[in-house]
């Protein structure tokens, strides 16, 4: 590391590269300086970021000091960062999308009791809306516009909207027509 970099610059680089909260001792160790110099440097860095009109800030957390995105930008993070779901949650989301809307009780019958946790995760991430049905003890679940945006689906295939008896009738008609040709 070049020796002419100011301690504040080193600390900023350390916080950026580590990407997690660091104690003063850890900062001093990585910056190759004493604790007092690290404390002065972190205070100066906090003040510098407080004066700037940027998306980042240096904050003290329970676990140490961290360079992070200002809380004003959390909605942007939710919109831009891909959501990671497990296979079970994705299957639950698919079931909700295919039956949209569906009562939570029906979903549990389809997917099992693990779906309760999946629903909570999907609601928190904004992919599913959950509302109490007035005529039922269960909740109605339906996909949100975020689902369509994230998966880049304008609408689900039309066959999903056709009631099961009509699908069966169409299959029988197709079979009859194929036999007459």
C-alpha atoms as a PDB file:
ATOM      1  CA  UNK A   1       0.000   0.000   0.000  1.00  0.00           C
ATOM      2  CA  UNK A   2       1.445   3.405  -0.903  1.00  0.00           C
ATOM      3  CA  UNK A   3       2.590   5.258   2.225  1.00  0.00           C
ATOM      4  CA  UNK A   4       1.179   8.638   1.177  1.00  0.00           C
ATOM      5  CA  UNK A   5      -2.498   7.599   1.434  1.00  0.00           C
ATOM      6  CA  UNK A   6      -4.130   9.446   4.374  1.00  0.00           C
ATOM      7  CA  UNK A   7      -5.454   7.271   7.206  1.00  0.00           C
ATOM      8  CA  UNK A   8      -9.023   8.348   6.405  1.00  0.00           C
ATOM      9  CA  UNK A   9      -8.645   7.001   2.858  1.00  0.00           C
ATOM     10  CA  UNK A  10      -7.220   3.721   4.160  1.00  0.00           C
ATOM     11  CA  UNK A  11     -10.087   3.310   6.627  1.00  0.00           C
ATOM     12  CA  UNK A  12     -12.642   4.076   3.920  1.00  0.00           C
ATOM     13  CA  UNK A  13     -11.044   1.457   1.641  1.00  0.00           C
ATOM     14  CA  UNK A  14     -10.945  -1.087   4.483  1.00  0.00           C
ATOM     15  CA  UNK A  15     -14.634  -0.600   5.334  1.00  0.00           C
ATOM     16  CA  UNK A  16     -15.568  -0.804   1.660  1.00  0.00           C
ATOM     17  CA  UNK A  17     -13.519  -3.933   0.967  1.00  0.00           C
ATOM     18  CA  UNK A  18     -14.510  -5.821   4.115  1.00  0.00           C
ATOM     19  CA  UNK A  19     -18.209  -5.075   3.584  1.00  0.00           C
ATOM     20  CA  UNK A  20     -19.079  -5.757   7.222  1.00  0.00           C
ATOM     21  CA  UNK A  21     -18.852  -3.908  10.552  1.00  0.00           C
ATOM     22  CA  UNK A  22     -15.335  -3.738  12.004  1.00  0.00           C
ATOM     23  CA  UNK A  23     -14.160  -2.851  15.509  1.00  0.00           C
ATOM     24  CA  UNK A  24     -11.626  -0.077  16.088  1.00  0.00           C
ATOM     25  CA  UNK A  25      -9.029  -2.780  16.844  1.00  0.00           C
ATOM     26  CA  UNK A  26      -9.674  -4.502  13.523  1.00  0.00           C
ATOM     27  CA  UNK A  27      -9.555  -1.196  11.648  1.00  0.00           C
ATOM     28  CA  UNK A  28      -6.248  -0.306  13.356  1.00  0.00           C
ATOM     29  CA  UNK A  29      -4.817  -3.729  12.517  1.00  0.00           C
ATOM     30  CA  UNK A  30      -5.800  -3.540   8.821  1.00  0.00           C
ATOM     31  CA  UNK A  31      -4.660   0.104   8.542  1.00  0.00           C
ATOM     32  CA  UNK A  32      -1.385  -0.713  10.329  1.00  0.00           C
ATOM     33  CA  UNK A  33      -1.824   2.092  12.870  1.00  0.00           C
ATOM     34  CA  UNK A  34      -2.535   2.462  16.579  1.00  0.00           C
ATOM     35  CA  UNK A  35      -6.076   2.529  18.070  1.00  0.00           C
ATOM     36  CA  UNK A  36      -5.994   6.280  18.717  1.00  0.00           C
ATOM     37  CA  UNK A  37      -5.144   7.033  15.066  1.00  0.00           C
ATOM     38  CA  UNK A  38      -7.873   4.611  13.915  1.00  0.00           C
ATOM     39  CA  UNK A  39     -10.429   6.301  16.220  1.00  0.00           C
ATOM     40  CA  UNK A  40      -9.510   9.755  14.929  1.00  0.00           C
ATOM     41  CA  UNK A  41      -9.645   8.499  11.348  1.00  0.00           C
ATOM     42  CA  UNK A  42     -13.073   6.896  11.751  1.00  0.00           C
ATOM     43  CA  UNK A  43     -14.475  10.058  13.392  1.00  0.00           C
ATOM     44  CA  UNK A  44     -13.150  12.158  10.510  1.00  0.00           C
ATOM     45  CA  UNK A  45     -14.595   9.696   7.986  1.00  0.00           C
ATOM     46  CA  UNK A  46     -18.012   9.760   9.689  1.00  0.00           C
ATOM     47  CA  UNK A  47     -17.971  13.573   9.603  1.00  0.00           C
ATOM     48  CA  UNK A  48     -16.897  13.590   5.928  1.00  0.00           C
ATOM     49  CA  UNK A  49     -19.771  11.329   4.917  1.00  0.00           C
ATOM     50  CA  UNK A  50     -22.241  13.317   7.034  1.00  0.00           C
ATOM     51  CA  UNK A  51     -21.338  16.479   5.079  1.00  0.00           C
ATOM     52  CA  UNK A  52     -21.576  14.786   1.673  1.00  0.00           C
ATOM     53  CA  UNK A  53     -24.812  14.389  -0.223  1.00  0.00           C
ATOM     54  CA  UNK A  54     -24.171  10.755  -1.210  1.00  0.00           C
ATOM     55  CA  UNK A  55     -25.931   7.418  -0.981  1.00  0.00           C
ATOM     56  CA  UNK A  56     -23.359   6.061   1.499  1.00  0.00           C
ATOM     57  CA  UNK A  57     -22.699   6.695   5.170  1.00  0.00           C
ATOM     58  CA  UNK A  58     -20.363   5.418   7.878  1.00  0.00           C
ATOM     59  CA  UNK A  59     -22.244   4.255  10.953  1.00  0.00           C
ATOM     60  CA  UNK A  60     -21.468   2.634  14.262  1.00  0.00           C
ATOM     61  CA  UNK A  61     -23.395  -0.582  14.822  1.00  0.00           C
ATOM     62  CA  UNK A  62     -23.390  -3.152  17.641  1.00  0.00           C
ATOM     63  CA  UNK A  63     -20.615  -4.991  15.803  1.00  0.00           C
ATOM     64  CA  UNK A  64     -18.433  -2.017  14.888  1.00  0.00           C
ATOM     65  CA  UNK A  65     -18.168   0.605  12.168  1.00  0.00           C
ATOM     66  CA  UNK A  66     -19.601   0.022   8.737  1.00  0.00           C
ATOM     67  CA  UNK A  67     -19.802   1.749   5.350  1.00  0.00           C
ATOM     68  CA  UNK A  68     -23.352   1.232   4.163  1.00  0.00           C
ATOM     69  CA  UNK A  69     -26.144   2.556   2.010  1.00  0.00           C
ATOM     70  CA  UNK A  70     -28.213   5.287   3.664  1.00  0.00           C
ATOM     71  CA  UNK A  71     -31.620   4.057   4.833  1.00  0.00           C
ATOM     72  CA  UNK A  72     -33.309   6.469   2.365  1.00  0.00           C
ATOM     73  CA  UNK A  73     -32.228   4.066  -0.403  1.00  0.00           C
ATOM     74  CA  UNK A  74     -33.658   0.796   0.987  1.00  0.00           C
ATOM     75  CA  UNK A  75     -36.665   0.921  -1.370  1.00  0.00           C
ATOM     76  CA  UNK A  76     -34.243   1.129  -4.278  1.00  0.00           C
ATOM     77  CA  UNK A  77     -32.380  -1.908  -2.972  1.00  0.00           C
ATOM     78  CA  UNK A  78     -35.644  -3.873  -2.788  1.00  0.00           C
ATOM     79  CA  UNK A  79     -36.414  -2.948  -6.398  1.00  0.00           C
ATOM     80  CA  UNK A  80     -32.961  -3.643  -7.870  1.00  0.00           C
ATOM     81  CA  UNK A  81     -31.378  -6.507  -5.977  1.00  0.00           C
ATOM     82  CA  UNK A  82     -32.569  -9.949  -7.077  1.00  0.00           C
ATOM     83  CA  UNK A  83     -34.465 -11.832  -4.406  1.00  0.00           C
ATOM     84  CA  UNK A  84     -33.129 -15.242  -3.414  1.00  0.00           C
ATOM     85  CA  UNK A  85     -35.785 -17.828  -2.568  1.00  0.00           C
ATOM     86  CA  UNK A  86     -35.413 -21.473  -1.746  1.00  0.00           C
ATOM     87  CA  UNK A  87     -37.004 -24.154  -3.911  1.00  0.00           C
ATOM     88  CA  UNK A  88     -39.948 -24.539  -1.501  1.00  0.00           C
ATOM     89  CA  UNK A  89     -40.750 -20.823  -1.534  1.00  0.00           C
ATOM     90  CA  UNK A  90     -40.496 -20.730  -5.341  1.00  0.00           C
ATOM     91  CA  UNK A  91     -42.903 -23.669  -5.622  1.00  0.00           C
ATOM     92  CA  UNK A  92     -45.291 -21.938  -3.237  1.00  0.00           C
ATOM     93  CA  UNK A  93     -45.027 -18.747  -5.298  1.00  0.00           C
ATOM     94  CA  UNK A  94     -45.739 -20.747  -8.463  1.00  0.00           C
ATOM     95  CA  UNK A  95     -48.815 -22.315  -6.845  1.00  0.00           C
ATOM     96  CA  UNK A  96     -50.107 -18.882  -5.831  1.00  0.00           C
ATOM     97  CA  UNK A  97     -49.469 -17.504  -9.326  1.00  0.00           C
ATOM     98  CA  UNK A  98     -51.195 -20.451 -11.035  1.00  0.00           C
ATOM     99  CA  UNK A  99     -54.299 -20.233  -8.844  1.00  0.00           C
ATOM    100  CA  UNK A 100     -54.230 -16.457  -8.442  1.00  0.00           C
ATOM    101  CA  UNK A 101     -55.995 -15.621  -6.165  1.00  0.00           C
ATOM    102  CA  UNK A 102     -55.995 -18.568  -3.771  1.00  0.00           C
ATOM    103  CA  UNK A 103     -57.098 -18.961  -0.167  1.00  0.00           C
ATOM    104  CA  UNK A 104     -54.222 -19.670   2.184  1.00  0.00           C
ATOM    105  CA  UNK A 105     -56.086 -22.726   3.491  1.00  0.00           C
ATOM    106  CA  UNK A 106     -56.241 -24.147  -0.076  1.00  0.00           C
ATOM    107  CA  UNK A 107     -52.542 -23.402  -0.555  1.00  0.00           C
ATOM    108  CA  UNK A 108     -51.685 -25.259   2.659  1.00  0.00           C
ATOM    109  CA  UNK A 109     -53.699 -28.243   1.375  1.00  0.00           C
ATOM    110  CA  UNK A 110     -51.647 -28.141  -1.855  1.00  0.00           C
ATOM    111  CA  UNK A 111     -48.210 -27.401  -0.409  1.00  0.00           C
ATOM    112  CA  UNK A 112     -48.265 -28.482   3.244  1.00  0.00           C
ATOM    113  CA  UNK A 113     -47.725 -26.542   6.460  1.00  0.00           C
ATOM    114  CA  UNK A 114     -44.263 -25.325   5.357  1.00  0.00           C
ATOM    115  CA  UNK A 115     -46.095 -22.945   3.047  1.00  0.00           C
ATOM    116  CA  UNK A 116     -46.992 -20.727   6.026  1.00  0.00           C
ATOM    117  CA  UNK A 117     -43.318 -19.697   6.271  1.00  0.00           C
ATOM    118  CA  UNK A 118     -43.056 -19.344   2.489  1.00  0.00           C
ATOM    119  CA  UNK A 119     -46.108 -17.055   2.420  1.00  0.00           C
ATOM    120  CA  UNK A 120     -44.600 -14.853   5.120  1.00  0.00           C
ATOM    121  CA  UNK A 121     -41.333 -14.627   3.137  1.00  0.00           C
ATOM    122  CA  UNK A 122     -43.173 -13.888  -0.129  1.00  0.00           C
ATOM    123  CA  UNK A 123     -45.334 -11.191   1.496  1.00  0.00           C
ATOM    124  CA  UNK A 124     -42.276  -9.544   3.121  1.00  0.00           C
ATOM    125  CA  UNK A 125     -40.452  -9.503  -0.220  1.00  0.00           C
ATOM    126  CA  UNK A 126     -43.458  -7.902  -1.935  1.00  0.00           C
ATOM    127  CA  UNK A 127     -44.280 -10.722  -4.386  1.00  0.00           C
ATOM    128  CA  UNK A 128     -47.545 -11.730  -2.715  1.00  0.00           C
ATOM    129  CA  UNK A 129     -50.384  -9.717  -1.184  1.00  0.00           C
ATOM    130  CA  UNK A 130     -52.283 -11.252   1.742  1.00  0.00           C
ATOM    131  CA  UNK A 131     -55.688  -9.990   2.856  1.00  0.00           C
ATOM    132  CA  UNK A 132     -58.403 -11.337   5.107  1.00  0.00           C
ATOM    133  CA  UNK A 133     -61.472 -12.584   3.276  1.00  0.00           C
ATOM    134  CA  UNK A 134     -64.664 -11.261   4.872  1.00  0.00           C
ATOM    135  CA  UNK A 135     -66.605 -14.461   4.267  1.00  0.00           C
ATOM    136  CA  UNK A 136     -63.811 -16.816   5.341  1.00  0.00           C
ATOM    137  CA  UNK A 137     -61.421 -17.394   8.210  1.00  0.00           C
ATOM    138  CA  UNK A 138     -58.592 -17.788   5.710  1.00  0.00           C
ATOM    139  CA  UNK A 139     -56.513 -15.171   3.918  1.00  0.00           C
ATOM    140  CA  UNK A 140     -56.703 -14.551   0.181  1.00  0.00           C
ATOM    141  CA  UNK A 141     -53.278 -14.621  -1.468  1.00  0.00           C
ATOM    142  CA  UNK A 142     -52.468 -13.096  -4.817  1.00  0.00           C
ATOM    143  CA  UNK A 143     -49.385 -12.097  -6.747  1.00  0.00           C
ATOM    144  CA  UNK A 144     -48.421  -8.421  -6.954  1.00  0.00           C
ATOM    145  CA  UNK A 145     -47.146  -6.264  -9.826  1.00  0.00           C
ATOM    146  CA  UNK A 146     -43.634  -6.908  -8.460  1.00  0.00           C
ATOM    147  CA  UNK A 147     -44.076 -10.580  -9.420  1.00  0.00           C
ATOM    148  CA  UNK A 148     -44.814  -9.581 -13.020  1.00  0.00           C
ATOM    149  CA  UNK A 149     -41.918  -7.105 -13.111  1.00  0.00           C
ATOM    150  CA  UNK A 150     -39.381  -9.447 -11.540  1.00  0.00           C
ATOM    151  CA  UNK A 151     -40.219 -12.466 -13.673  1.00  0.00           C
ATOM    152  CA  UNK A 152     -40.918 -10.274 -16.728  1.00  0.00           C
ATOM    153  CA  UNK A 153     -44.322 -11.855 -17.247  1.00  0.00           C
ATOM    154  CA  UNK A 154     -47.071  -9.582 -18.526  1.00  0.00           C
ATOM    155  CA  UNK A 155     -49.710 -12.231 -17.970  1.00  0.00           C
ATOM    156  CA  UNK A 156     -49.827 -15.921 -17.264  1.00  0.00           C
ATOM    157  CA  UNK A 157     -50.731 -18.226 -20.166  1.00  0.00           C
ATOM    158  CA  UNK A 158     -54.393 -18.133 -21.164  1.00  0.00           C
ATOM    159  CA  UNK A 159     -54.883 -21.856 -20.599  1.00  0.00           C
ATOM    160  CA  UNK A 160     -54.677 -21.198 -16.882  1.00  0.00           C
ATOM    161  CA  UNK A 161     -57.805 -19.048 -17.076  1.00  0.00           C
ATOM    162  CA  UNK A 162     -59.896 -21.783 -18.738  1.00  0.00           C
ATOM    163  CA  UNK A 163     -61.943 -23.804 -16.251  1.00  0.00           C
ATOM    164  CA  UNK A 164     -61.022 -27.497 -16.013  1.00  0.00           C
ATOM    165  CA  UNK A 165     -64.277 -28.781 -17.647  1.00  0.00           C
ATOM    166  CA  UNK A 166     -63.753 -26.496 -20.655  1.00  0.00           C
ATOM    167  CA  UNK A 167     -60.182 -27.775 -21.006  1.00  0.00           C
ATOM    168  CA  UNK A 168     -61.448 -31.358 -20.978  1.00  0.00           C
ATOM    169  CA  UNK A 169     -64.098 -30.508 -23.598  1.00  0.00           C
ATOM    170  CA  UNK A 170     -61.463 -28.885 -25.823  1.00  0.00           C
ATOM    171  CA  UNK A 171     -59.229 -31.949 -25.507  1.00  0.00           C
ATOM    172  CA  UNK A 172     -62.126 -34.214 -26.497  1.00  0.00           C
ATOM    173  CA  UNK A 173     -62.954 -31.983 -29.483  1.00  0.00           C
ATOM    174  CA  UNK A 174     -59.302 -31.981 -30.568  1.00  0.00           C
ATOM    175  CA  UNK A 175     -59.269 -35.800 -30.360  1.00  0.00           C
ATOM    176  CA  UNK A 176     -62.466 -36.085 -32.439  1.00  0.00           C
ATOM    177  CA  UNK A 177     -61.122 -33.629 -35.054  1.00  0.00           C
ATOM    178  CA  UNK A 178     -57.790 -35.469 -35.256  1.00  0.00           C
ATOM    179  CA  UNK A 179     -59.604 -38.773 -35.801  1.00  0.00           C
ATOM    180  CA  UNK A 180     -61.730 -37.396 -38.647  1.00  0.00           C
ATOM    181  CA  UNK A 181     -58.742 -36.119 -40.646  1.00  0.00           C
END
